[in-house]
Amino acid sequence: MKLTQFTFDLPLNLIAQHPAKKREDSRMMVVHRKTGQIENKHFRDILEYFDDKDVFAVNNTKVFPARMYGRKEKTGAKIEVFLLHELNKPNRLWDVIVDPARKIRVGNKLYFGDADELVAEVIDNTTSRGRTIRFLWEGSEESFKARLAALGETPLPRYIKRNPDDEDRERYQTVYAKHEGAVAAPSAGLHFSKELIKRCEIKGIRFAEITLHTGLGTFRPIEVEDLTKHKMDAEYFNIDDFACKIVNKAKEGGNRICSIGTTTMRALETSFTAQKLLKPNEGWTTTFIHPPHEFNVADSLVTNFHLPKTGLFIMTCAFAGYNLAMEAYKRAIKDKYRFFSYGDAMLIL
């Protein structure tokens, strides 16, 4: 299929700028693949569709405050530095994106904080906007991470047209986040509250935790018309033996496996056996899922409403079926569902 087939007109006022007051009070569209039926529910109603021994596979990655603002030496020009991932912990080397990039060259020093609390030196160019920097910090790892957390801010996507506040530190994070490394939240999981998780567990639904550190590549625009030629940025993932046992026991028992989010689905589709069971794995995935695609582990999916011509929307179409997904999005726009990271949910069965 071609990229232009995945476009639709999205009113900008439907892109959610704030989260719902309560996580589970987000709206949820339920899409039934077998019948084509579409229902309008709330996320708290998800319990109606799953039973004892079913499994929710979730991404327990944790977002870190990746967006920082510094000043260039001598000129004092304000520079945005977006931390991507750490390359070498002892040497404090990081891959970053800088803006405006034209002002930042190898050898430049950047100063962060009102009292120049942190200094970094640019040591390499990686892409047009990408740089490798070395933080000049001689303290402990704990004190270094504390300094980054104090100087950084929640990396809200640019589609959210406001500055992040204290609420975002909590709400742009799942309640089960554990392993720090993501620069974007696995947004489908944002709808779960601790209370809703407890209700799921009381009903007998089990949670299998995997980790995929969501990078900016997830949201990077697709620039090729032929989807088979699109290359995803590599993202780190880890699926341990315990998660595999939970998922595989459910599959072998004929129970439902629901992937909570597209990041979780990418990890699941990167690591399965010939019998379509989940296997332990750790590494970097560049899996890009687009129609046609045979899904191997999960048989249902929770995802948010995404922007047109994005990899996230394209994966949704691959799972729901192109025509049904396009019809669901048409209804979502008509019924004023909220889109993107802080938006509403879609459950595809």
C-alpha atoms as a PDB file:
ATOM      1  CA  MET A   1       0.000   0.000   0.000  1.00  0.00           C
ATOM      2  CA  LYS A   2       1.003   3.619  -0.495  1.00  0.00           C
ATOM      3  CA  LEU A   3       1.474   6.354   2.076  1.00  0.00           C
ATOM      4  CA  THR A   4      -1.175   8.588   0.501  1.00  0.00           C
ATOM      5  CA  GLN A   5      -3.813   5.950   1.268  1.00  0.00           C
ATOM      6  CA  PHE A   6      -3.413   6.715   4.975  1.00  0.00           C
ATOM      7  CA  THR A   7      -4.436  10.352   4.961  1.00  0.00           C
ATOM      8  CA  PHE A   8      -7.565  11.970   6.376  1.00  0.00           C
ATOM      9  CA  ASP A   9      -8.625  15.462   7.386  1.00  0.00           C
ATOM     10  CA  LEU A  10      -8.125  15.943  11.118  1.00  0.00           C
ATOM     11  CA  PRO A  11      -9.428  19.137  12.735  1.00  0.00           C
ATOM     12  CA  LEU A  12      -6.598  20.489  14.870  1.00  0.00           C
ATOM     13  CA  ASN A  13      -8.980  21.153  17.762  1.00  0.00           C
ATOM     14  CA  LEU A  14      -9.337  17.377  18.230  1.00  0.00           C
ATOM     15  CA  ILE A  15      -5.666  16.987  19.224  1.00  0.00           C
ATOM     16  CA  ALA A  16      -5.872  16.726  23.014  1.00  0.00           C
ATOM     17  CA  GLN A  17      -3.875  19.387  24.848  1.00  0.00           C
ATOM     18  CA  HIS A  18      -4.494  18.029  28.343  1.00  0.00           C
ATOM     19  CA  PRO A  19      -5.196  14.575  29.780  1.00  0.00           C
ATOM     20  CA  ALA A  20      -8.652  13.551  30.984  1.00  0.00           C
ATOM     21  CA  LYS A  21      -9.328  14.429  34.623  1.00  0.00           C
ATOM     22  CA  LYS A  22      -9.231  10.726  35.528  1.00  0.00           C
ATOM     23  CA  ARG A  23      -7.227   8.268  33.469  1.00  0.00           C
ATOM     24  CA  GLU A  24      -9.949   5.641  33.019  1.00  0.00           C
ATOM     25  CA  ASP A  25     -12.594   8.252  32.148  1.00  0.00           C
ATOM     26  CA  SER A  26     -11.167   8.678  28.646  1.00  0.00           C
ATOM     27  CA  ARG A  27     -13.585   7.650  25.927  1.00  0.00           C
ATOM     28  CA  MET A  28     -12.978   4.323  24.194  1.00  0.00           C
ATOM     29  CA  MET A  29     -14.173   3.276  20.766  1.00  0.00           C
ATOM     30  CA  VAL A  30     -14.575  -0.506  20.494  1.00  0.00           C
ATOM     31  CA  VAL A  31     -14.059  -1.935  17.002  1.00  0.00           C
ATOM     32  CA  HIS A  32     -15.109  -5.528  16.266  1.00  0.00           C
ATOM     33  CA  ARG A  33     -13.157  -6.901  13.325  1.00  0.00           C
ATOM     34  CA  LYS A  34     -15.396  -9.915  12.688  1.00  0.00           C
ATOM     35  CA  THR A  35     -18.697  -8.030  12.514  1.00  0.00           C
ATOM     36  CA  GLY A  36     -17.597  -4.485  11.724  1.00  0.00           C
ATOM     37  CA  GLN A  37     -19.564  -3.240  14.730  1.00  0.00           C
ATOM     38  CA  ILE A  38     -18.319  -0.011  16.339  1.00  0.00           C
ATOM     39  CA  GLU A  39     -19.280   0.915  19.917  1.00  0.00           C
ATOM     40  CA  ASN A  40     -18.765   4.069  21.971  1.00  0.00           C
ATOM     41  CA  LYS A  41     -17.638   3.369  25.528  1.00  0.00           C
ATOM     42  CA  HIS A  42     -15.298   4.691  28.222  1.00  0.00           C
ATOM     43  CA  PHE A  43     -11.965   3.127  29.037  1.00  0.00           C
ATOM     44  CA  ARG A  44     -13.203   1.886  32.398  1.00  0.00           C
ATOM     45  CA  ASP A  45     -15.573  -0.377  30.423  1.00  0.00           C
ATOM     46  CA  ILE A  46     -12.644  -2.429  29.104  1.00  0.00           C
ATOM     47  CA  LEU A  47     -13.441  -5.051  31.765  1.00  0.00           C
ATOM     48  CA  GLU A  48     -16.587  -5.959  29.808  1.00  0.00           C
ATOM     49  CA  TYR A  49     -14.472  -7.450  27.001  1.00  0.00           C
ATOM     50  CA  PHE A  50     -11.978  -9.601  28.905  1.00  0.00           C
ATOM     51  CA  ASP A  51     -12.265 -12.528  31.287  1.00  0.00           C
ATOM     52  CA  ASP A  52     -10.338 -14.607  33.786  1.00  0.00           C
ATOM     53  CA  LYS A  53      -6.922 -15.741  32.442  1.00  0.00           C
ATOM     54  CA  ASP A  54      -6.853 -13.209  29.620  1.00  0.00           C
ATOM     55  CA  VAL A  55      -3.639 -11.168  29.420  1.00  0.00           C
ATOM     56  CA  PHE A  56      -2.843  -7.502  28.954  1.00  0.00           C
ATOM     57  CA  ALA A  57       0.689  -7.112  27.551  1.00  0.00           C
ATOM     58  CA  VAL A  58       1.982  -3.696  28.646  1.00  0.00           C
ATOM     59  CA  ASN A  59       5.084  -1.598  28.035  1.00  0.00           C
ATOM     60  CA  ASN A  60       6.677  -0.642  31.359  1.00  0.00           C
ATOM     61  CA  THR A  61       9.145   1.850  29.901  1.00  0.00           C
ATOM     62  CA  LYS A  62       9.549   5.093  31.844  1.00  0.00           C
ATOM     63  CA  VAL A  63       9.784   8.525  30.234  1.00  0.00           C
ATOM     64  CA  PHE A  64      12.662  10.696  31.399  1.00  0.00           C
ATOM     65  CA  PRO A  65      12.747  14.532  31.225  1.00  0.00           C
ATOM     66  CA  ALA A  66      14.515  14.543  27.882  1.00  0.00           C
ATOM     67  CA  ARG A  67      14.046  18.145  26.733  1.00  0.00           C
ATOM     68  CA  MET A  68      16.632  20.591  28.064  1.00  0.00           C
ATOM     69  CA  TYR A  69      17.474  24.194  27.293  1.00  0.00           C
ATOM     70  CA  GLY A  70      21.035  25.461  27.378  1.00  0.00           C
ATOM     71  CA  ARG A  71      23.138  28.394  26.291  1.00  0.00           C
ATOM     72  CA  LYS A  72      25.940  28.359  23.794  1.00  0.00           C
ATOM     73  CA  GLU A  73      29.328  29.526  25.047  1.00  0.00           C
ATOM     74  CA  LYS A  74      30.369  33.096  24.176  1.00  0.00           C
ATOM     75  CA  THR A  75      27.186  34.056  22.300  1.00  0.00           C
ATOM     76  CA  GLY A  76      24.704  32.909  24.964  1.00  0.00           C
ATOM     77  CA  ALA A  77      22.291  31.777  22.224  1.00  0.00           C
ATOM     78  CA  LYS A  78      19.444  29.627  23.575  1.00  0.00           C
ATOM     79  CA  ILE A  79      19.714  26.018  22.364  1.00  0.00           C
ATOM     80  CA  GLU A  80      17.197  23.203  22.795  1.00  0.00           C
ATOM     81  CA  VAL A  81      18.905  19.874  23.491  1.00  0.00           C
ATOM     82  CA  PHE A  82      16.690  16.779  23.234  1.00  0.00           C
ATOM     83  CA  LEU A  83      18.308  13.757  24.859  1.00  0.00           C
ATOM     84  CA  LEU A  84      17.789  10.543  22.882  1.00  0.00           C
ATOM     85  CA  HIS A  85      19.829   7.893  24.681  1.00  0.00           C
ATOM     86  CA  GLU A  86      23.015   7.431  26.614  1.00  0.00           C
ATOM     87  CA  LEU A  87      25.907   5.941  24.656  1.00  0.00           C
ATOM     88  CA  ASN A  88      28.604   5.524  27.280  1.00  0.00           C
ATOM     89  CA  LYS A  89      27.732   5.882  30.963  1.00  0.00           C
ATOM     90  CA  PRO A  90      31.232   6.303  32.425  1.00  0.00           C
ATOM     91  CA  ASN A  91      32.045   9.027  29.902  1.00  0.00           C
ATOM     92  CA  ARG A  92      28.591  10.684  30.009  1.00  0.00           C
ATOM     93  CA  LEU A  93      28.177  10.455  26.226  1.00  0.00           C
ATOM     94  CA  TRP A  94      24.687  11.069  24.818  1.00  0.00           C
ATOM     95  CA  ASP A  95      23.064  11.124  21.405  1.00  0.00           C
ATOM     96  CA  VAL A  96      20.958  14.285  21.185  1.00  0.00           C
ATOM     97  CA  ILE A  97      19.056  16.492  18.767  1.00  0.00           C
ATOM     98  CA  VAL A  98      19.814  20.202  18.889  1.00  0.00           C
ATOM     99  CA  ASP A  99      17.779  23.153  17.681  1.00  0.00           C
ATOM    100  CA  PRO A 100      18.795  25.407  15.991  1.00  0.00           C
ATOM    101  CA  ALA A 101      21.353  22.959  14.684  1.00  0.00           C
ATOM    102  CA  ARG A 102      23.153  25.413  12.420  1.00  0.00           C
ATOM    103  CA  LYS A 103      24.615  27.150  15.479  1.00  0.00           C
ATOM    104  CA  ILE A 104      26.098  24.038  17.070  1.00  0.00           C
ATOM    105  CA  ARG A 105      29.457  22.713  15.894  1.00  0.00           C
ATOM    106  CA  VAL A 106      31.962  20.181  17.185  1.00  0.00           C
ATOM    107  CA  GLY A 107      33.932  21.711  20.038  1.00  0.00           C
ATOM    108  CA  ASN A 108      31.169  24.043  21.221  1.00  0.00           C
ATOM    109  CA  LYS A 109      30.285  24.030  24.909  1.00  0.00           C
ATOM    110  CA  LEU A 110      26.713  24.282  26.182  1.00  0.00           C
ATOM    111  CA  TYR A 111      25.758  25.552  29.644  1.00  0.00           C
ATOM    112  CA  PHE A 112      22.606  24.482  31.478  1.00  0.00           C
ATOM    113  CA  GLY A 113      20.913  26.033  34.493  1.00  0.00           C
ATOM    114  CA  ASP A 114      20.883  29.583  35.827  1.00  0.00           C
ATOM    115  CA  ALA A 115      24.260  29.130  37.492  1.00  0.00           C
ATOM    116  CA  ASP A 116      25.809  26.971  34.760  1.00  0.00           C
ATOM    117  CA  GLU A 117      25.053  23.905  36.898  1.00  0.00           C
ATOM    118  CA  LEU A 118      25.878  21.524  34.049  1.00  0.00           C
ATOM    119  CA  VAL A 119      28.224  21.813  31.082  1.00  0.00           C
ATOM    120  CA  ALA A 120      28.363  19.691  27.927  1.00  0.00           C
ATOM    121  CA  GLU A 121      30.787  19.625  25.009  1.00  0.00           C
ATOM    122  CA  VAL A 122      29.786  18.755  21.440  1.00  0.00           C
ATOM    123  CA  ILE A 123      32.114  16.014  20.182  1.00  0.00           C
ATOM    124  CA  ASP A 124      30.497  14.765  16.973  1.00  0.00           C
ATOM    125  CA  ASN A 125      27.889  15.419  14.283  1.00  0.00           C
ATOM    126  CA  THR A 126      25.608  12.443  13.647  1.00  0.00           C
ATOM    127  CA  THR A 127      22.851  13.827  11.380  1.00  0.00           C
ATOM    128  CA  SER A 128      21.775  17.271  10.219  1.00  0.00           C
ATOM    129  CA  ARG A 129      20.281  17.946  13.642  1.00  0.00           C
ATOM    130  CA  GLY A 130      21.903  15.146  15.606  1.00  0.00           C
ATOM    131  CA  ARG A 131      24.967  15.547  17.797  1.00  0.00           C
ATOM    132  CA  THR A 132      26.951  13.501  20.281  1.00  0.00           C
ATOM    133  CA  ILE A 133      27.708  15.435  23.443  1.00  0.00           C
ATOM    134  CA  ARG A 134      29.757  14.723  26.556  1.00  0.00           C
ATOM    135  CA  PHE A 135      28.519  16.034  29.880  1.00  0.00           C
ATOM    136  CA  LEU A 136      31.390  17.334  31.974  1.00  0.00           C
ATOM    137  CA  TRP A 137      30.326  15.974  35.358  1.00  0.00           C
ATOM    138  CA  GLU A 138      32.644  14.428  37.915  1.00  0.00           C
ATOM    139  CA  GLY A 139      30.082  13.509  40.559  1.00  0.00           C
ATOM    140  CA  SER A 140      28.296  10.199  41.097  1.00  0.00           C
ATOM    141  CA  GLU A 141      25.843   8.626  38.641  1.00  0.00           C
ATOM    142  CA  GLU A 142      23.008   9.329  41.077  1.00  0.00           C
ATOM    143  CA  SER A 143      23.872  13.019  41.335  1.00  0.00           C
ATOM    144  CA  PHE A 144      24.238  13.274  37.551  1.00  0.00           C
ATOM    145  CA  LYS A 145      20.806  11.753  36.920  1.00  0.00           C
ATOM    146  CA  ALA A 146      19.320  14.005  39.586  1.00  0.00           C
ATOM    147  CA  ARG A 147      20.811  17.029  37.827  1.00  0.00           C
ATOM    148  CA  LEU A 148      19.392  15.957  34.452  1.00  0.00           C
ATOM    149  CA  ALA A 149      15.976  15.435  36.042  1.00  0.00           C
ATOM    150  CA  ALA A 150      16.085  18.884  37.651  1.00  0.00           C
ATOM    151  CA  LEU A 151      17.152  20.689  34.482  1.00  0.00           C
ATOM    152  CA  GLY A 152      15.073  18.696  31.983  1.00  0.00           C
ATOM    153  CA  GLU A 153      11.372  18.934  31.274  1.00  0.00           C
ATOM    154  CA  THR A 154       8.700  16.423  30.299  1.00  0.00           C
ATOM    155  CA  PRO A 155       9.121  15.850  26.535  1.00  0.00           C
ATOM    156  CA  LEU A 156       5.567  16.533  25.429  1.00  0.00           C
ATOM    157  CA  PRO A 157       5.119  16.089  21.671  1.00  0.00           C
ATOM    158  CA  ARG A 158       5.130  19.278  19.617  1.00  0.00           C
ATOM    159  CA  TYR A 159       1.476  18.734  18.753  1.00  0.00           C
ATOM    160  CA  ILE A 160       0.679  19.729  22.343  1.00  0.00           C
ATOM    161  CA  LYS A 161       0.865  23.505  22.042  1.00  0.00           C
ATOM    162  CA  ARG A 162       1.774  24.456  25.595  1.00  0.00           C
ATOM    163  CA  ASN A 163       4.627  24.237  28.037  1.00  0.00           C
ATOM    164  CA  PRO A 164       4.679  21.157  30.290  1.00  0.00           C
ATOM    165  CA  ASP A 165       3.642  21.620  33.919  1.00  0.00           C
ATOM    166  CA  ASP A 166       3.930  19.633  37.146  1.00  0.00           C
ATOM    167  CA  GLU A 167       0.862  17.547  36.256  1.00  0.00           C
ATOM    168  CA  ASP A 168       2.594  16.274  33.122  1.00  0.00           C
ATOM    169  CA  ARG A 169       5.416  14.740  35.185  1.00  0.00           C
ATOM    170  CA  GLU A 170       2.817  12.300  36.500  1.00  0.00           C
ATOM    171  CA  ARG A 171       0.286  12.054  33.692  1.00  0.00           C
ATOM    172  CA  TYR A 172       2.730  11.668  30.776  1.00  0.00           C
ATOM    173  CA  GLN A 173       3.758   8.415  32.433  1.00  0.00           C
ATOM    174  CA  THR A 174       1.974   5.104  32.934  1.00  0.00           C
ATOM    175  CA  VAL A 175       1.249   4.078  36.516  1.00  0.00           C
ATOM    176  CA  TYR A 176       3.315   0.906  35.935  1.00  0.00           C
ATOM    177  CA  ALA A 177       6.376   2.651  34.462  1.00  0.00           C
ATOM    178  CA  LYS A 178       9.589   1.063  35.785  1.00  0.00           C
ATOM    179  CA  HIS A 179      12.555   1.160  33.420  1.00  0.00           C
ATOM    180  CA  GLU A 180      13.716   4.643  32.401  1.00  0.00           C
ATOM    181  CA  GLY A 181      14.686   5.175  28.788  1.00  0.00           C
ATOM    182  CA  ALA A 182      11.734   6.463  26.754  1.00  0.00           C
ATOM    183  CA  VAL A 183      11.437   9.949  25.291  1.00  0.00           C
ATOM    184  CA  ALA A 184       7.740   9.464  24.518  1.00  0.00           C
ATOM    185  CA  ALA A 185       5.039   7.805  26.588  1.00  0.00           C
ATOM    186  CA  PRO A 186       3.414   4.542  25.490  1.00  0.00           C
ATOM    187  CA  SER A 187       0.142   6.432  25.288  1.00  0.00           C
ATOM    188  CA  ALA A 188      -2.346   3.525  25.295  1.00  0.00           C
ATOM    189  CA  GLY A 189      -1.184   2.650  28.785  1.00  0.00           C
ATOM    190  CA  LEU A 190      -1.902   6.152  30.095  1.00  0.00           C
ATOM    191  CA  HIS A 191      -5.593   5.198  30.501  1.00  0.00           C
ATOM    192  CA  PHE A 192      -4.908   2.669  33.252  1.00  0.00           C
ATOM    193  CA  SER A 193      -5.205   3.868  36.843  1.00  0.00           C
ATOM    194  CA  LYS A 194      -4.010   1.818  39.798  1.00  0.00           C
ATOM    195  CA  GLU A 195      -7.638   1.269  40.749  1.00  0.00           C
ATOM    196  CA  LEU A 196      -8.559  -0.042  37.297  1.00  0.00           C
ATOM    197  CA  ILE A 197      -5.561  -2.380  37.307  1.00  0.00           C
ATOM    198  CA  LYS A 198      -6.714  -3.756  40.653  1.00  0.00           C
ATOM    199  CA  ARG A 199     -10.188  -4.356  39.238  1.00  0.00           C
ATOM    200  CA  CYS A 200      -8.634  -6.195  36.294  1.00  0.00           C
ATOM    201  CA  GLU A 201      -6.578  -8.370  38.610  1.00  0.00           C
ATOM    202  CA  ILE A 202      -9.632  -9.179  40.745  1.00  0.00           C
ATOM    203  CA  LYS A 203     -11.389 -10.381  37.588  1.00  0.00           C
ATOM    204  CA  GLY A 204      -8.410 -12.658  36.858  1.00  0.00           C
ATOM    205  CA  ILE A 205      -6.809 -10.671  34.043  1.00  0.00           C
ATOM    206  CA  ARG A 206      -3.030 -10.938  34.168  1.00  0.00           C
ATOM    207  CA  PHE A 207      -0.466  -8.316  33.168  1.00  0.00           C
ATOM    208  CA  ALA A 208       2.662  -9.285  31.211  1.00  0.00           C
ATOM    209  CA  GLU A 209       5.260  -6.512  31.325  1.00  0.00           C
ATOM    210  CA  ILE A 210       7.707  -5.963  28.492  1.00  0.00           C
ATOM    211  CA  THR A 211       9.983  -2.990  27.866  1.00  0.00           C
ATOM    212  CA  LEU A 212      10.405  -0.965  24.696  1.00  0.00           C
ATOM    213  CA  HIS A 213      12.018   2.435  25.052  1.00  0.00           C
ATOM    214  CA  THR A 214       9.986   4.629  22.727  1.00  0.00           C
ATOM    215  CA  GLY A 215      12.166   6.973  20.682  1.00  0.00           C
ATOM    216  CA  LEU A 216      11.422   9.954  18.484  1.00  0.00           C
ATOM    217  CA  GLY A 217      11.519   7.639  15.471  1.00  0.00           C
ATOM    218  CA  THR A 218       8.049   6.419  16.414  1.00  0.00           C
ATOM    219  CA  PHE A 219       6.719   9.866  15.476  1.00  0.00           C
ATOM    220  CA  ARG A 220       9.128  10.676  12.658  1.00  0.00           C
ATOM    221  CA  PRO A 221       7.294  11.574   9.418  1.00  0.00           C
ATOM    222  CA  ILE A 222       7.289   8.898   6.745  1.00  0.00           C
ATOM    223  CA  GLU A 223       8.838  10.389   3.643  1.00  0.00           C
ATOM    224  CA  VAL A 224       8.495   7.560   1.116  1.00  0.00           C
ATOM    225  CA  GLU A 225       5.360   6.696  -0.818  1.00  0.00           C
ATOM    226  CA  ASP A 226       6.262   2.995  -0.955  1.00  0.00           C
ATOM    227  CA  LEU A 227       5.853   1.782   2.639  1.00  0.00           C
ATOM    228  CA  THR A 228       8.154  -1.175   2.082  1.00  0.00           C
ATOM    229  CA  LYS A 229      11.019   1.308   1.754  1.00  0.00           C
ATOM    230  CA  HIS A 230      10.440   3.080   5.084  1.00  0.00           C
ATOM    231  CA  LYS A 231      13.126   2.435   7.698  1.00  0.00           C
ATOM    232  CA  MET A 232      12.277   2.706  11.387  1.00  0.00           C
ATOM    233  CA  ASP A 233      14.796   4.027  13.886  1.00  0.00           C
ATOM    234  CA  ALA A 234      16.090   1.269  16.160  1.00  0.00           C
ATOM    235  CA  GLU A 235      14.495   1.097  19.607  1.00  0.00           C
ATOM    236  CA  TYR A 236      15.706  -0.976  22.550  1.00  0.00           C
ATOM    237  CA  PHE A 237      13.387  -3.696  23.863  1.00  0.00           C
ATOM    238  CA  ASN A 238      13.486  -6.465  26.450  1.00  0.00           C
ATOM    239  CA  ILE A 239      11.081  -9.377  26.862  1.00  0.00           C
ATOM    240  CA  ASP A 240      11.917 -11.583  29.832  1.00  0.00           C
ATOM    241  CA  ASP A 241      11.060 -15.195  30.546  1.00  0.00           C
ATOM    242  CA  PHE A 242       8.394 -14.306  33.120  1.00  0.00           C
ATOM    243  CA  ALA A 243       6.388 -12.257  30.600  1.00  0.00           C
ATOM    244  CA  CYS A 244       6.675 -15.069  28.057  1.00  0.00           C
ATOM    245  CA  LYS A 245       5.311 -17.619  30.516  1.00  0.00           C
ATOM    246  CA  ILE A 246       2.273 -15.442  31.237  1.00  0.00           C
ATOM    247  CA  VAL A 247       1.528 -14.833  27.552  1.00  0.00           C
ATOM    248  CA  ASN A 248       2.180 -18.382  26.377  1.00  0.00           C
ATOM    249  CA  LYS A 249       0.095 -19.990  29.121  1.00  0.00           C
ATOM    250  CA  ALA A 250      -2.827 -17.827  28.045  1.00  0.00           C
ATOM    251  CA  LYS A 251      -2.317 -18.578  24.349  1.00  0.00           C
ATOM    252  CA  GLU A 252      -2.107 -22.315  24.971  1.00  0.00           C
ATOM    253  CA  GLY A 253      -5.287 -22.097  27.041  1.00  0.00           C
ATOM    254  CA  GLY A 254      -7.184 -20.306  24.298  1.00  0.00           C
ATOM    255  CA  ASN A 255      -7.379 -17.026  26.223  1.00  0.00           C
ATOM    256  CA  ARG A 256      -7.145 -13.562  24.758  1.00  0.00           C
ATOM    257  CA  ILE A 257      -3.872 -11.608  24.507  1.00  0.00           C
ATOM    258  CA  CYS A 258      -4.359  -7.851  24.284  1.00  0.00           C
ATOM    259  CA  SER A 259      -1.444  -5.621  23.349  1.00  0.00           C
ATOM    260  CA  ILE A 260      -1.710  -2.343  25.221  1.00  0.00           C
ATOM    261  CA  GLY A 261      -0.270  -0.010  22.633  1.00  0.00           C
ATOM    262  CA  THR A 262       1.598  -0.088  19.356  1.00  0.00           C
ATOM    263  CA  THR A 263       5.010  -0.069  21.064  1.00  0.00           C
ATOM    264  CA  THR A 264       4.090  -3.258  22.900  1.00  0.00           C
ATOM    265  CA  MET A 265       2.868  -4.762  19.638  1.00  0.00           C
ATOM    266  CA  ARG A 266       6.165  -3.965  17.900  1.00  0.00           C
ATOM    267  CA  ALA A 267       8.068  -5.765  20.643  1.00  0.00           C
ATOM    268  CA  LEU A 268       5.727  -8.788  20.494  1.00  0.00           C
ATOM    269  CA  GLU A 269       6.010  -8.984  16.716  1.00  0.00           C
ATOM    270  CA  THR A 270       9.797  -8.907  16.980  1.00  0.00           C
ATOM    271  CA  SER A 271      10.060 -12.005  19.164  1.00  0.00           C
ATOM    272  CA  PHE A 272       7.948 -15.105  18.560  1.00  0.00           C
ATOM    273  CA  THR A 273       8.487 -18.786  17.789  1.00  0.00           C
ATOM    274  CA  ALA A 274       7.348 -20.880  14.837  1.00  0.00           C
ATOM    275  CA  GLN A 275       4.389 -21.905  17.007  1.00  0.00           C
ATOM    276  CA  LYS A 276       3.487 -18.205  17.445  1.00  0.00           C
ATOM    277  CA  LEU A 277       4.467 -18.226  21.082  1.00  0.00           C
ATOM    278  CA  LEU A 278       6.388 -15.405  22.679  1.00  0.00           C
ATOM    279  CA  LYS A 279      10.093 -15.979  23.328  1.00  0.00           C
ATOM    280  CA  PRO A 280      12.520 -14.089  25.578  1.00  0.00           C
ATOM    281  CA  ASN A 281      14.592 -11.559  23.687  1.00  0.00           C
ATOM    282  CA  GLU A 282      16.581  -8.394  24.172  1.00  0.00           C
ATOM    283  CA  GLY A 283      18.045  -6.027  21.630  1.00  0.00           C
ATOM    284  CA  TRP A 284      17.063  -3.355  19.140  1.00  0.00           C
ATOM    285  CA  THR A 285      14.045  -3.522  16.874  1.00  0.00           C
ATOM    286  CA  THR A 286      13.428  -1.733  13.578  1.00  0.00           C
ATOM    287  CA  THR A 287      10.154  -3.563  12.914  1.00  0.00           C
ATOM    288  CA  PHE A 288       7.733  -1.466  10.864  1.00  0.00           C
ATOM    289  CA  ILE A 289       4.234  -2.933  10.674  1.00  0.00           C
ATOM    290  CA  HIS A 290       2.071  -2.012   7.717  1.00  0.00           C
ATOM    291  CA  PRO A 291      -0.646  -3.773   5.662  1.00  0.00           C
ATOM    292  CA  PRO A 292      -0.623  -6.566   4.829  1.00  0.00           C
ATOM    293  CA  HIS A 293       0.728  -8.083   8.043  1.00  0.00           C
ATOM    294  CA  GLU A 294      -0.059 -11.332   9.830  1.00  0.00           C
ATOM    295  CA  PHE A 295      -0.020 -10.724  13.583  1.00  0.00           C
ATOM    296  CA  ASN A 296       1.491 -13.550  15.550  1.00  0.00           C
ATOM    297  CA  VAL A 297       1.031 -13.020  19.290  1.00  0.00           C
ATOM    298  CA  ALA A 298      -1.737 -10.602  20.287  1.00  0.00           C
ATOM    299  CA  ASP A 299      -5.334 -10.976  19.084  1.00  0.00           C
ATOM    300  CA  SER A 300      -6.572  -7.600  20.324  1.00  0.00           C
ATOM    301  CA  LEU A 301      -5.108  -4.128  20.589  1.00  0.00           C
ATOM    302  CA  VAL A 302      -5.621  -0.956  22.618  1.00  0.00           C
ATOM    303  CA  THR A 303      -4.274   2.145  20.945  1.00  0.00           C
ATOM    304  CA  ASN A 304      -4.932   5.883  20.906  1.00  0.00           C
ATOM    305  CA  PHE A 305      -6.182   7.848  17.920  1.00  0.00           C
ATOM    306  CA  HIS A 306      -3.215   8.848  15.798  1.00  0.00           C
ATOM    307  CA  LEU A 307      -2.329  11.453  13.234  1.00  0.00           C
ATOM    308  CA  PRO A 308      -2.676  10.786   9.483  1.00  0.00           C
ATOM    309  CA  LYS A 309       0.188   9.246   7.497  1.00  0.00           C
ATOM    310  CA  THR A 310       2.017   8.121  10.649  1.00  0.00           C
ATOM    311  CA  GLY A 311       3.448   4.702  11.396  1.00  0.00           C
ATOM    312  CA  LEU A 312       1.099   4.424  14.379  1.00  0.00           C
ATOM    313  CA  PHE A 313      -2.013   4.937  12.242  1.00  0.00           C
ATOM    314  CA  ILE A 314      -0.651   2.604   9.567  1.00  0.00           C
ATOM    315  CA  MET A 315      -0.148  -0.159  12.165  1.00  0.00           C
ATOM    316  CA  THR A 316      -3.716   0.411  13.387  1.00  0.00           C
ATOM    317  CA  CYS A 317      -4.949  -0.117   9.830  1.00  0.00           C
ATOM    318  CA  ALA A 318      -2.866  -3.279   9.543  1.00  0.00           C
ATOM    319  CA  PHE A 319      -4.489  -4.738  12.662  1.00  0.00           C
ATOM    320  CA  ALA A 320      -8.090  -3.567  12.237  1.00  0.00           C
ATOM    321  CA  GLY A 321      -8.173  -3.859   8.463  1.00  0.00           C
ATOM    322  CA  TYR A 322      -7.806  -0.825   6.254  1.00  0.00           C
ATOM    323  CA  ASN A 323     -11.465  -0.186   5.406  1.00  0.00           C
ATOM    324  CA  LEU A 324     -12.724  -0.736   8.957  1.00  0.00           C
ATOM    325  CA  ALA A 325     -10.004   1.475  10.438  1.00  0.00           C
ATOM    326  CA  MET A 326     -10.797   4.295   8.001  1.00  0.00           C
ATOM    327  CA  GLU A 327     -14.488   4.028   8.874  1.00  0.00           C
ATOM    328  CA  ALA A 328     -13.677   4.057  12.600  1.00  0.00           C
ATOM    329  CA  TYR A 329     -11.577   7.201  12.222  1.00  0.00           C
ATOM    330  CA  LYS A 330     -14.307   8.864  10.180  1.00  0.00           C
ATOM    331  CA  ARG A 331     -16.715   8.229  13.052  1.00  0.00           C
ATOM    332  CA  ALA A 332     -14.163   9.312  15.637  1.00  0.00           C
ATOM    333  CA  ILE A 333     -13.829  12.698  13.950  1.00  0.00           C
ATOM    334  CA  LYS A 334     -17.601  13.054  13.633  1.00  0.00           C
ATOM    335  CA  ASP A 335     -18.092  12.142  17.314  1.00  0.00           C
ATOM    336  CA  LYS A 336     -15.222  14.408  18.405  1.00  0.00           C
ATOM    337  CA  TYR A 337     -12.949  11.814  19.952  1.00  0.00           C
ATOM    338  CA  ARG A 338      -9.704  13.286  21.279  1.00  0.00           C
ATOM    339  CA  PHE A 339      -6.544  12.419  19.319  1.00  0.00           C
ATOM    340  CA  PHE A 340      -2.882  11.721  20.052  1.00  0.00           C
ATOM    341  CA  SER A 341      -0.948  11.166  23.280  1.00  0.00           C
ATOM    342  CA  TYR A 342      -3.450  12.652  25.734  1.00  0.00           C
ATOM    343  CA  GLY A 343      -6.425  11.590  23.636  1.00  0.00           C
ATOM    344  CA  ASP A 344      -8.974   8.790  23.788  1.00  0.00           C
ATOM    345  CA  ALA A 345      -8.553   5.067  23.222  1.00  0.00           C
ATOM    346  CA  MET A 346      -9.579   2.517  20.633  1.00  0.00           C
ATOM    347  CA  LEU A 347     -10.008  -1.159  21.493  1.00  0.00           C
ATOM    348  CA  ILE A 348      -9.776  -3.431  18.461  1.00  0.00           C
ATOM    349  CA  LEU A 349     -11.115  -6.953  18.998  1.00  0.00           C
END
